[in-house]
């Protein structure tokens, strides 16, 4: 029979979000769970130990990070299967979001271990909420490759994505990242950078990729801290078509091609209905 105290339920792995900067962002539920579990698996026990000390919590801890996760997952899950409860925390924010934990959670679910999320701070969600970019659709791409060629290739592959793009980036690569966004997506692509979220020097920079390149070059502090980089998605084909003189395009196409082929090419270029374009092209062909 499970205890009525959430944190002490046997055989449970809790995925606990912790603050990304401001310690006041810890939730009451997270504090309760961390107080009541049998063991805490932390990305960096020293880092998380300081948080626990601030909260007045003393619990056994084990390290679980990207270099040892596969080796330690089994031992942790055996403890949970034996009746203990455990909390998984990362250095900051929600575990598994560009942080370790996937191997453990995947294996836990495969074994039938109950996995319970304890939601809280998440840098990408916090950044999006204040960026002023469309949030009805977004694509979180995490960290792009560190090497220039691979990074440019990754950005080029995303250049036509219409959803808002969200990346994490480190301070020593932020300038190169924005330069590559300008190079692969255009100088005028709208970009918002969130720096040091929830911390003393939290700052948002917004503008075109070219403008933000200049900001980063002029402001030495702008390249310090932790970054969430958000890029407005590419215009949809329909939006691109709205900026075209579709009738002129069709008139040029039907002058050289059969109506059906002109409509097909027009549809591929604009994203508009092929049938609609066929009727418009037919009118041009007949001189109406």
C-alpha atoms as a PDB file:
ATOM      1  CA  UNK A   1       0.000   0.000   0.000  1.00  0.00           C
ATOM      2  CA  UNK A   2       1.394   3.399  -0.985  1.00  0.00           C
ATOM      3  CA  UNK A   3       1.899   6.100   1.582  1.00  0.00           C
ATOM      4  CA  UNK A   4      -0.406   9.118   1.448  1.00  0.00           C
ATOM      5  CA  UNK A   5       2.681  11.321   1.442  1.00  0.00           C
ATOM      6  CA  UNK A   6       3.505  11.933  -2.193  1.00  0.00           C
ATOM      7  CA  UNK A   7       7.265  11.981  -1.855  1.00  0.00           C
ATOM      8  CA  UNK A   8       7.454   8.724   0.083  1.00  0.00           C
ATOM      9  CA  UNK A   9       5.429   6.553  -2.275  1.00  0.00           C
ATOM     10  CA  UNK A  10       7.401   3.379  -2.811  1.00  0.00           C
ATOM     11  CA  UNK A  11       8.828   2.455  -6.157  1.00  0.00           C
ATOM     12  CA  UNK A  12       8.551   5.905  -7.734  1.00  0.00           C
ATOM     13  CA  UNK A  13      11.024   7.937  -9.765  1.00  0.00           C
ATOM     14  CA  UNK A  14      10.279  11.657  -9.531  1.00  0.00           C
ATOM     15  CA  UNK A  15      11.570  13.999 -12.244  1.00  0.00           C
ATOM     16  CA  UNK A  16      11.979  17.239 -10.308  1.00  0.00           C
ATOM     17  CA  UNK A  17      12.435  20.649 -11.926  1.00  0.00           C
ATOM     18  CA  UNK A  18      14.690  23.038 -10.009  1.00  0.00           C
ATOM     19  CA  UNK A  19      15.347  26.792 -10.422  1.00  0.00           C
ATOM     20  CA  UNK A  20      17.312  28.032 -13.438  1.00  0.00           C
ATOM     21  CA  UNK A  21      18.689  30.948 -11.455  1.00  0.00           C
ATOM     22  CA  UNK A  22      16.369  32.515  -8.917  1.00  0.00           C
ATOM     23  CA  UNK A  23      16.061  30.093  -5.999  1.00  0.00           C
ATOM     24  CA  UNK A  24      12.617  31.467  -5.159  1.00  0.00           C
ATOM     25  CA  UNK A  25      11.328  29.615  -8.225  1.00  0.00           C
ATOM     26  CA  UNK A  26      11.472  26.246  -6.445  1.00  0.00           C
ATOM     27  CA  UNK A  27       7.936  24.929  -5.995  1.00  0.00           C
ATOM     28  CA  UNK A  28       6.408  23.752  -2.723  1.00  0.00           C
ATOM     29  CA  UNK A  29       5.778  20.368  -4.275  1.00  0.00           C
ATOM     30  CA  UNK A  30       9.417  20.045  -5.369  1.00  0.00           C
ATOM     31  CA  UNK A  31      10.572  20.863  -1.833  1.00  0.00           C
ATOM     32  CA  UNK A  32       8.211  18.270  -0.371  1.00  0.00           C
ATOM     33  CA  UNK A  33       9.305  15.550  -2.774  1.00  0.00           C
ATOM     34  CA  UNK A  34      13.006  16.274  -2.240  1.00  0.00           C
ATOM     35  CA  UNK A  35      12.437  16.130   1.509  1.00  0.00           C
ATOM     36  CA  UNK A  36      10.644  12.784   1.426  1.00  0.00           C
ATOM     37  CA  UNK A  37      12.427  10.661  -1.185  1.00  0.00           C
ATOM     38  CA  UNK A  38      15.053   8.136  -0.147  1.00  0.00           C
ATOM     39  CA  UNK A  39      17.728   9.259  -2.585  1.00  0.00           C
ATOM     40  CA  UNK A  40      18.400  12.113  -5.015  1.00  0.00           C
ATOM     41  CA  UNK A  41      20.156  11.466  -8.325  1.00  0.00           C
ATOM     42  CA  UNK A  42      21.848  14.696  -9.382  1.00  0.00           C
ATOM     43  CA  UNK A  43      23.741  15.770 -12.480  1.00  0.00           C
ATOM     44  CA  UNK A  44      26.329  17.424 -10.199  1.00  0.00           C
ATOM     45  CA  UNK A  45      26.041  16.535  -6.521  1.00  0.00           C
ATOM     46  CA  UNK A  46      28.073  19.563  -5.445  1.00  0.00           C
ATOM     47  CA  UNK A  47      25.868  21.957  -7.393  1.00  0.00           C
ATOM     48  CA  UNK A  48      22.614  20.380  -6.243  1.00  0.00           C
ATOM     49  CA  UNK A  49      24.025  20.057  -2.748  1.00  0.00           C
ATOM     50  CA  UNK A  50      24.156  23.846  -2.489  1.00  0.00           C
ATOM     51  CA  UNK A  51      20.473  24.030  -3.458  1.00  0.00           C
ATOM     52  CA  UNK A  52      19.542  21.405  -0.875  1.00  0.00           C
ATOM     53  CA  UNK A  53      21.556  23.262   1.770  1.00  0.00           C
ATOM     54  CA  UNK A  54      19.681  26.465   0.895  1.00  0.00           C
ATOM     55  CA  UNK A  55      16.394  24.577   1.291  1.00  0.00           C
ATOM     56  CA  UNK A  56      17.490  22.930   4.546  1.00  0.00           C
ATOM     57  CA  UNK A  57      17.214  19.435   3.068  1.00  0.00           C
ATOM     58  CA  UNK A  58      19.604  16.615   3.891  1.00  0.00           C
ATOM     59  CA  UNK A  59      19.345  13.529   1.708  1.00  0.00           C
ATOM     60  CA  UNK A  60      21.690  10.866   0.319  1.00  0.00           C
ATOM     61  CA  UNK A  61      22.794  11.812  -3.187  1.00  0.00           C
ATOM     62  CA  UNK A  62      24.311   9.975  -6.117  1.00  0.00           C
ATOM     63  CA  UNK A  63      25.775  11.529  -9.241  1.00  0.00           C
ATOM     64  CA  UNK A  64      24.067  10.734 -12.519  1.00  0.00           C
ATOM     65  CA  UNK A  65      25.335  12.581 -15.571  1.00  0.00           C
ATOM     66  CA  UNK A  66      25.897  12.023 -19.286  1.00  0.00           C
ATOM     67  CA  UNK A  67      29.156  10.132 -18.716  1.00  0.00           C
ATOM     68  CA  UNK A  68      27.900   7.591 -16.165  1.00  0.00           C
ATOM     69  CA  UNK A  69      24.144   7.420 -16.753  1.00  0.00           C
ATOM     70  CA  UNK A  70      24.153   4.099 -18.580  1.00  0.00           C
ATOM     71  CA  UNK A  71      26.296   2.469 -15.908  1.00  0.00           C
ATOM     72  CA  UNK A  72      24.312   3.799 -12.955  1.00  0.00           C
ATOM     73  CA  UNK A  73      20.767   3.508 -14.283  1.00  0.00           C
ATOM     74  CA  UNK A  74      20.418  -0.147 -13.337  1.00  0.00           C
ATOM     75  CA  UNK A  75      21.584   0.330  -9.754  1.00  0.00           C
ATOM     76  CA  UNK A  76      19.232   3.267  -9.229  1.00  0.00           C
ATOM     77  CA  UNK A  77      16.265   1.425 -10.695  1.00  0.00           C
ATOM     78  CA  UNK A  78      16.987  -1.674  -8.613  1.00  0.00           C
ATOM     79  CA  UNK A  79      16.692   0.479  -5.501  1.00  0.00           C
ATOM     80  CA  UNK A  80      13.367   1.823  -6.707  1.00  0.00           C
ATOM     81  CA  UNK A  81      12.113  -1.660  -7.580  1.00  0.00           C
ATOM     82  CA  UNK A  82      13.088  -2.704  -4.053  1.00  0.00           C
ATOM     83  CA  UNK A  83      10.716  -0.087  -2.653  1.00  0.00           C
ATOM     84  CA  UNK A  84      12.702   3.126  -2.396  1.00  0.00           C
ATOM     85  CA  UNK A  85      11.640   6.420  -3.947  1.00  0.00           C
ATOM     86  CA  UNK A  86      14.081   8.599  -5.868  1.00  0.00           C
ATOM     87  CA  UNK A  87      14.222  12.104  -7.314  1.00  0.00           C
ATOM     88  CA  UNK A  88      16.123  12.972 -10.466  1.00  0.00           C
ATOM     89  CA  UNK A  89      17.389  16.565 -10.722  1.00  0.00           C
ATOM     90  CA  UNK A  90      19.635  18.373 -13.176  1.00  0.00           C
ATOM     91  CA  UNK A  91      21.866  21.357 -12.476  1.00  0.00           C
ATOM     92  CA  UNK A  92      19.040  23.739 -13.387  1.00  0.00           C
ATOM     93  CA  UNK A  93      15.541  23.614 -14.813  1.00  0.00           C
ATOM     94  CA  UNK A  94      13.644  20.556 -15.977  1.00  0.00           C
ATOM     95  CA  UNK A  95      15.648  17.313 -16.264  1.00  0.00           C
ATOM     96  CA  UNK A  96      16.030  15.685 -19.702  1.00  0.00           C
ATOM     97  CA  UNK A  97      15.591  19.015 -21.554  1.00  0.00           C
ATOM     98  CA  UNK A  98      19.142  19.073 -22.999  1.00  0.00           C
ATOM     99  CA  UNK A  99      20.168  17.424 -19.723  1.00  0.00           C
ATOM    100  CA  UNK A 100      20.826  13.822 -18.627  1.00  0.00           C
ATOM    101  CA  UNK A 101      18.032  11.450 -17.632  1.00  0.00           C
ATOM    102  CA  UNK A 102      16.705   9.961 -20.857  1.00  0.00           C
ATOM    103  CA  UNK A 103      18.403   6.600 -20.320  1.00  0.00           C
ATOM    104  CA  UNK A 104      17.053   6.269 -16.772  1.00  0.00           C
ATOM    105  CA  UNK A 105      13.507   7.338 -17.617  1.00  0.00           C
ATOM    106  CA  UNK A 106      13.378   5.148 -20.710  1.00  0.00           C
ATOM    107  CA  UNK A 107      14.567   2.113 -18.777  1.00  0.00           C
ATOM    108  CA  UNK A 108      12.266   2.893 -15.840  1.00  0.00           C
ATOM    109  CA  UNK A 109       9.228   2.898 -18.103  1.00  0.00           C
ATOM    110  CA  UNK A 110      10.392  -0.291 -19.800  1.00  0.00           C
ATOM    111  CA  UNK A 111      10.566  -1.974 -16.375  1.00  0.00           C
ATOM    112  CA  UNK A 112       7.168  -0.693 -15.321  1.00  0.00           C
ATOM    113  CA  UNK A 113       8.580   1.706 -12.726  1.00  0.00           C
ATOM    114  CA  UNK A 114       6.253   4.621 -12.077  1.00  0.00           C
ATOM    115  CA  UNK A 115       7.727   7.919 -13.350  1.00  0.00           C
ATOM    116  CA  UNK A 116       6.177  11.119 -11.971  1.00  0.00           C
ATOM    117  CA  UNK A 117       7.007  14.621 -13.277  1.00  0.00           C
ATOM    118  CA  UNK A 118       7.226  17.453 -10.768  1.00  0.00           C
ATOM    119  CA  UNK A 119       7.043  20.501 -13.071  1.00  0.00           C
ATOM    120  CA  UNK A 120       8.719  23.823 -12.562  1.00  0.00           C
ATOM    121  CA  UNK A 121      11.250  26.109 -14.194  1.00  0.00           C
ATOM    122  CA  UNK A 122      12.304  25.480 -17.794  1.00  0.00           C
ATOM    123  CA  UNK A 123      14.543  27.947 -19.622  1.00  0.00           C
ATOM    124  CA  UNK A 124      13.060  27.466 -23.076  1.00  0.00           C
ATOM    125  CA  UNK A 125       9.477  28.006 -21.885  1.00  0.00           C
ATOM    126  CA  UNK A 126      10.439  31.012 -19.759  1.00  0.00           C
ATOM    127  CA  UNK A 127      12.285  32.567 -22.695  1.00  0.00           C
ATOM    128  CA  UNK A 128       9.448  32.003 -25.164  1.00  0.00           C
ATOM    129  CA  UNK A 129       6.879  33.473 -22.789  1.00  0.00           C
ATOM    130  CA  UNK A 130       8.645  36.847 -22.805  1.00  0.00           C
ATOM    131  CA  UNK A 131      10.179  36.936 -26.300  1.00  0.00           C
ATOM    132  CA  UNK A 132       7.284  38.336 -28.304  1.00  0.00           C
ATOM    133  CA  UNK A 133       7.657  35.674 -30.995  1.00  0.00           C
ATOM    134  CA  UNK A 134       4.880  33.323 -32.165  1.00  0.00           C
ATOM    135  CA  UNK A 135       4.438  30.438 -29.718  1.00  0.00           C
ATOM    136  CA  UNK A 136       1.556  28.530 -31.308  1.00  0.00           C
ATOM    137  CA  UNK A 137       4.225  26.311 -32.878  1.00  0.00           C
ATOM    138  CA  UNK A 138       7.867  26.069 -31.867  1.00  0.00           C
ATOM    139  CA  UNK A 139      10.715  23.643 -32.441  1.00  0.00           C
ATOM    140  CA  UNK A 140      13.257  23.143 -29.672  1.00  0.00           C
ATOM    141  CA  UNK A 141      16.572  22.228 -31.295  1.00  0.00           C
ATOM    142  CA  UNK A 142      18.730  22.262 -28.154  1.00  0.00           C
ATOM    143  CA  UNK A 143      22.433  22.857 -28.719  1.00  0.00           C
ATOM    144  CA  UNK A 144      23.577  22.969 -32.332  1.00  0.00           C
ATOM    145  CA  UNK A 145      26.994  21.441 -33.166  1.00  0.00           C
ATOM    146  CA  UNK A 146      30.032  23.264 -31.811  1.00  0.00           C
ATOM    147  CA  UNK A 147      32.065  23.085 -35.023  1.00  0.00           C
ATOM    148  CA  UNK A 148      31.364  25.792 -37.561  1.00  0.00           C
ATOM    149  CA  UNK A 149      30.660  23.619 -40.601  1.00  0.00           C
ATOM    150  CA  UNK A 150      28.306  21.274 -38.776  1.00  0.00           C
ATOM    151  CA  UNK A 151      26.559  24.186 -37.093  1.00  0.00           C
ATOM    152  CA  UNK A 152      25.932  25.929 -40.426  1.00  0.00           C
ATOM    153  CA  UNK A 153      24.626  22.691 -41.914  1.00  0.00           C
ATOM    154  CA  UNK A 154      22.216  22.249 -38.982  1.00  0.00           C
ATOM    155  CA  UNK A 155      20.939  25.808 -39.336  1.00  0.00           C
ATOM    156  CA  UNK A 156      20.600  25.470 -43.094  1.00  0.00           C
ATOM    157  CA  UNK A 157      18.441  22.371 -42.579  1.00  0.00           C
ATOM    158  CA  UNK A 158      16.118  24.445 -40.380  1.00  0.00           C
ATOM    159  CA  UNK A 159      16.087  27.587 -42.525  1.00  0.00           C
ATOM    160  CA  UNK A 160      12.671  26.873 -44.084  1.00  0.00           C
ATOM    161  CA  UNK A 161      10.998  25.702 -40.865  1.00  0.00           C
ATOM    162  CA  UNK A 162       7.934  27.892 -40.229  1.00  0.00           C
ATOM    163  CA  UNK A 163       7.749  27.278 -36.468  1.00  0.00           C
ATOM    164  CA  UNK A 164       9.673  29.497 -34.051  1.00  0.00           C
ATOM    165  CA  UNK A 165      13.087  27.910 -33.485  1.00  0.00           C
ATOM    166  CA  UNK A 166      14.591  27.658 -29.997  1.00  0.00           C
ATOM    167  CA  UNK A 167      18.239  26.885 -29.246  1.00  0.00           C
ATOM    168  CA  UNK A 168      20.513  26.822 -26.219  1.00  0.00           C
ATOM    169  CA  UNK A 169      23.982  28.294 -26.667  1.00  0.00           C
ATOM    170  CA  UNK A 170      27.121  28.833 -24.620  1.00  0.00           C
ATOM    171  CA  UNK A 171      28.798  32.234 -24.109  1.00  0.00           C
ATOM    172  CA  UNK A 172      31.948  31.437 -26.091  1.00  0.00           C
ATOM    173  CA  UNK A 173      29.912  30.462 -29.181  1.00  0.00           C
ATOM    174  CA  UNK A 174      27.022  32.945 -29.079  1.00  0.00           C
ATOM    175  CA  UNK A 175      28.590  35.413 -31.547  1.00  0.00           C
ATOM    176  CA  UNK A 176      29.392  32.681 -34.056  1.00  0.00           C
ATOM    177  CA  UNK A 177      25.901  31.266 -33.622  1.00  0.00           C
ATOM    178  CA  UNK A 178      24.206  34.559 -34.514  1.00  0.00           C
ATOM    179  CA  UNK A 179      26.603  35.108 -37.414  1.00  0.00           C
ATOM    180  CA  UNK A 180      25.722  31.678 -38.790  1.00  0.00           C
ATOM    181  CA  UNK A 181      21.988  32.354 -38.365  1.00  0.00           C
ATOM    182  CA  UNK A 182      22.477  35.499 -40.451  1.00  0.00           C
ATOM    183  CA  UNK A 183      24.454  33.554 -43.019  1.00  0.00           C
ATOM    184  CA  UNK A 184      22.080  30.606 -43.359  1.00  0.00           C
ATOM    185  CA  UNK A 185      18.705  32.253 -42.683  1.00  0.00           C
ATOM    186  CA  UNK A 186      19.324  35.832 -43.789  1.00  0.00           C
ATOM    187  CA  UNK A 187      20.468  39.070 -42.176  1.00  0.00           C
ATOM    188  CA  UNK A 188      16.850  40.178 -41.715  1.00  0.00           C
ATOM    189  CA  UNK A 189      15.581  37.088 -39.862  1.00  0.00           C
ATOM    190  CA  UNK A 190      14.084  38.156 -36.528  1.00  0.00           C
ATOM    191  CA  UNK A 191      16.008  36.856 -33.519  1.00  0.00           C
ATOM    192  CA  UNK A 192      15.512  37.196 -29.766  1.00  0.00           C
ATOM    193  CA  UNK A 193      18.255  36.296 -27.296  1.00  0.00           C
ATOM    194  CA  UNK A 194      17.391  35.658 -23.642  1.00  0.00           C
ATOM    195  CA  UNK A 195      20.462  35.958 -21.416  1.00  0.00           C
ATOM    196  CA  UNK A 196      20.827  34.921 -17.759  1.00  0.00           C
ATOM    197  CA  UNK A 197      17.124  34.162 -17.270  1.00  0.00           C
ATOM    198  CA  UNK A 198      15.777  34.834 -13.740  1.00  0.00           C
ATOM    199  CA  UNK A 199      19.213  36.019 -12.592  1.00  0.00           C
ATOM    200  CA  UNK A 200      20.418  39.480 -11.611  1.00  0.00           C
ATOM    201  CA  UNK A 201      21.533  40.442 -15.107  1.00  0.00           C
ATOM    202  CA  UNK A 202      18.631  38.934 -17.048  1.00  0.00           C
ATOM    203  CA  UNK A 203      18.484  40.626 -20.454  1.00  0.00           C
ATOM    204  CA  UNK A 204      16.537  40.211 -23.679  1.00  0.00           C
ATOM    205  CA  UNK A 205      18.013  41.340 -26.988  1.00  0.00           C
ATOM    206  CA  UNK A 206      15.752  41.462 -30.027  1.00  0.00           C
ATOM    207  CA  UNK A 207      16.141  42.542 -33.631  1.00  0.00           C
ATOM    208  CA  UNK A 208      17.336  41.164 -36.928  1.00  0.00           C
ATOM    209  CA  UNK A 209      20.239  38.739 -37.024  1.00  0.00           C
ATOM    210  CA  UNK A 210      22.443  41.506 -38.432  1.00  0.00           C
ATOM    211  CA  UNK A 211      21.422  43.927 -35.664  1.00  0.00           C
ATOM    212  CA  UNK A 212      22.156  41.397 -32.941  1.00  0.00           C
ATOM    213  CA  UNK A 213      25.566  40.685 -34.450  1.00  0.00           C
ATOM    214  CA  UNK A 214      26.345  44.365 -33.946  1.00  0.00           C
ATOM    215  CA  UNK A 215      24.977  44.320 -30.374  1.00  0.00           C
ATOM    216  CA  UNK A 216      27.149  41.350 -29.433  1.00  0.00           C
ATOM    217  CA  UNK A 217      30.190  42.980 -31.004  1.00  0.00           C
ATOM    218  CA  UNK A 218      29.681  46.283 -29.157  1.00  0.00           C
ATOM    219  CA  UNK A 219      28.622  45.025 -25.718  1.00  0.00           C
ATOM    220  CA  UNK A 220      31.160  42.849 -23.944  1.00  0.00           C
ATOM    221  CA  UNK A 221      28.623  41.793 -21.305  1.00  0.00           C
ATOM    222  CA  UNK A 222      26.259  40.533 -23.998  1.00  0.00           C
ATOM    223  CA  UNK A 223      28.503  37.512 -24.525  1.00  0.00           C
ATOM    224  CA  UNK A 224      28.498  36.452 -20.874  1.00  0.00           C
ATOM    225  CA  UNK A 225      26.146  34.034 -19.207  1.00  0.00           C
ATOM    226  CA  UNK A 226      23.738  31.383 -20.429  1.00  0.00           C
ATOM    227  CA  UNK A 227      21.636  31.917 -23.542  1.00  0.00           C
ATOM    228  CA  UNK A 228      18.365  30.893 -25.120  1.00  0.00           C
ATOM    229  CA  UNK A 229      18.321  31.891 -28.794  1.00  0.00           C
ATOM    230  CA  UNK A 230      14.921  32.164 -30.495  1.00  0.00           C
ATOM    231  CA  UNK A 231      14.489  32.649 -34.225  1.00  0.00           C
ATOM    232  CA  UNK A 232      11.241  33.567 -35.949  1.00  0.00           C
ATOM    233  CA  UNK A 233      10.185  30.831 -38.343  1.00  0.00           C
ATOM    234  CA  UNK A 234      10.382  31.210 -42.093  1.00  0.00           C
ATOM    235  CA  UNK A 235       7.236  32.550 -43.790  1.00  0.00           C
ATOM    236  CA  UNK A 236       4.870  29.832 -44.971  1.00  0.00           C
ATOM    237  CA  UNK A 237       4.418  29.218 -48.680  1.00  0.00           C
ATOM    238  CA  UNK A 238       1.070  30.972 -48.526  1.00  0.00           C
ATOM    239  CA  UNK A 239       2.696  33.971 -46.827  1.00  0.00           C
ATOM    240  CA  UNK A 240       5.423  33.989 -49.438  1.00  0.00           C
ATOM    241  CA  UNK A 241       2.777  33.853 -52.148  1.00  0.00           C
ATOM    242  CA  UNK A 242       1.046  36.869 -50.623  1.00  0.00           C
ATOM    243  CA  UNK A 243       4.170  38.868 -51.374  1.00  0.00           C
ATOM    244  CA  UNK A 244       4.271  37.718 -54.996  1.00  0.00           C
ATOM    245  CA  UNK A 245       2.481  39.097 -57.991  1.00  0.00           C
ATOM    246  CA  UNK A 246       0.835  35.742 -58.666  1.00  0.00           C
ATOM    247  CA  UNK A 247      -0.990  36.909 -61.767  1.00  0.00           C
ATOM    248  CA  UNK A 248       2.230  38.160 -63.367  1.00  0.00           C
ATOM    249  CA  UNK A 249       3.966  34.898 -62.502  1.00  0.00           C
ATOM    250  CA  UNK A 250       1.149  32.902 -64.127  1.00  0.00           C
ATOM    251  CA  UNK A 251       1.083  35.078 -67.209  1.00  0.00           C
ATOM    252  CA  UNK A 252       4.787  34.452 -67.724  1.00  0.00           C
ATOM    253  CA  UNK A 253       4.406  30.721 -67.158  1.00  0.00           C
ATOM    254  CA  UNK A 254       1.485  30.212 -69.544  1.00  0.00           C
ATOM    255  CA  UNK A 255       3.343  32.114 -72.220  1.00  0.00           C
ATOM    256  CA  UNK A 256       5.921  29.320 -72.267  1.00  0.00           C
ATOM    257  CA  UNK A 257       4.126  26.257 -70.876  1.00  0.00           C
ATOM    258  CA  UNK A 258       0.820  24.359 -71.102  1.00  0.00           C
ATOM    259  CA  UNK A 259      -1.784  25.564 -68.607  1.00  0.00           C
ATOM    260  CA  UNK A 260      -1.690  22.385 -66.523  1.00  0.00           C
ATOM    261  CA  UNK A 261       2.093  22.528 -66.138  1.00  0.00           C
ATOM    262  CA  UNK A 262       2.015  26.266 -65.392  1.00  0.00           C
ATOM    263  CA  UNK A 263      -0.526  25.651 -62.619  1.00  0.00           C
ATOM    264  CA  UNK A 264       1.555  22.806 -61.182  1.00  0.00           C
ATOM    265  CA  UNK A 265       4.727  24.903 -61.069  1.00  0.00           C
ATOM    266  CA  UNK A 266       2.797  27.862 -59.645  1.00  0.00           C
ATOM    267  CA  UNK A 267       1.388  25.682 -56.870  1.00  0.00           C
ATOM    268  CA  UNK A 268       4.863  24.387 -55.989  1.00  0.00           C
ATOM    269  CA  UNK A 269       6.249  27.921 -55.853  1.00  0.00           C
ATOM    270  CA  UNK A 270       3.441  29.519 -53.861  1.00  0.00           C
ATOM    271  CA  UNK A 271       1.715  26.779 -51.885  1.00  0.00           C
ATOM    272  CA  UNK A 272      -1.619  27.891 -53.353  1.00  0.00           C
ATOM    273  CA  UNK A 273      -4.234  25.487 -54.662  1.00  0.00           C
ATOM    274  CA  UNK A 274      -3.325  23.920 -58.015  1.00  0.00           C
ATOM    275  CA  UNK A 275      -6.986  23.994 -59.092  1.00  0.00           C
ATOM    276  CA  UNK A 276      -7.275  27.693 -58.282  1.00  0.00           C
ATOM    277  CA  UNK A 277      -4.106  28.466 -60.210  1.00  0.00           C
ATOM    278  CA  UNK A 278      -5.259  26.301 -63.122  1.00  0.00           C
ATOM    279  CA  UNK A 279      -8.414  28.392 -63.512  1.00  0.00           C
ATOM    280  CA  UNK A 280      -6.439  31.630 -63.314  1.00  0.00           C
ATOM    281  CA  UNK A 281      -3.840  30.347 -65.788  1.00  0.00           C
ATOM    282  CA  UNK A 282      -6.606  29.192 -68.140  1.00  0.00           C
ATOM    283  CA  UNK A 283      -8.030  32.703 -68.142  1.00  0.00           C
ATOM    284  CA  UNK A 284      -4.640  34.119 -69.118  1.00  0.00           C
ATOM    285  CA  UNK A 285      -4.247  31.513 -71.867  1.00  0.00           C
ATOM    286  CA  UNK A 286      -7.630  32.344 -73.390  1.00  0.00           C
ATOM    287  CA  UNK A 287      -6.913  36.071 -73.207  1.00  0.00           C
ATOM    288  CA  UNK A 288      -9.634  36.893 -70.710  1.00  0.00           C
END
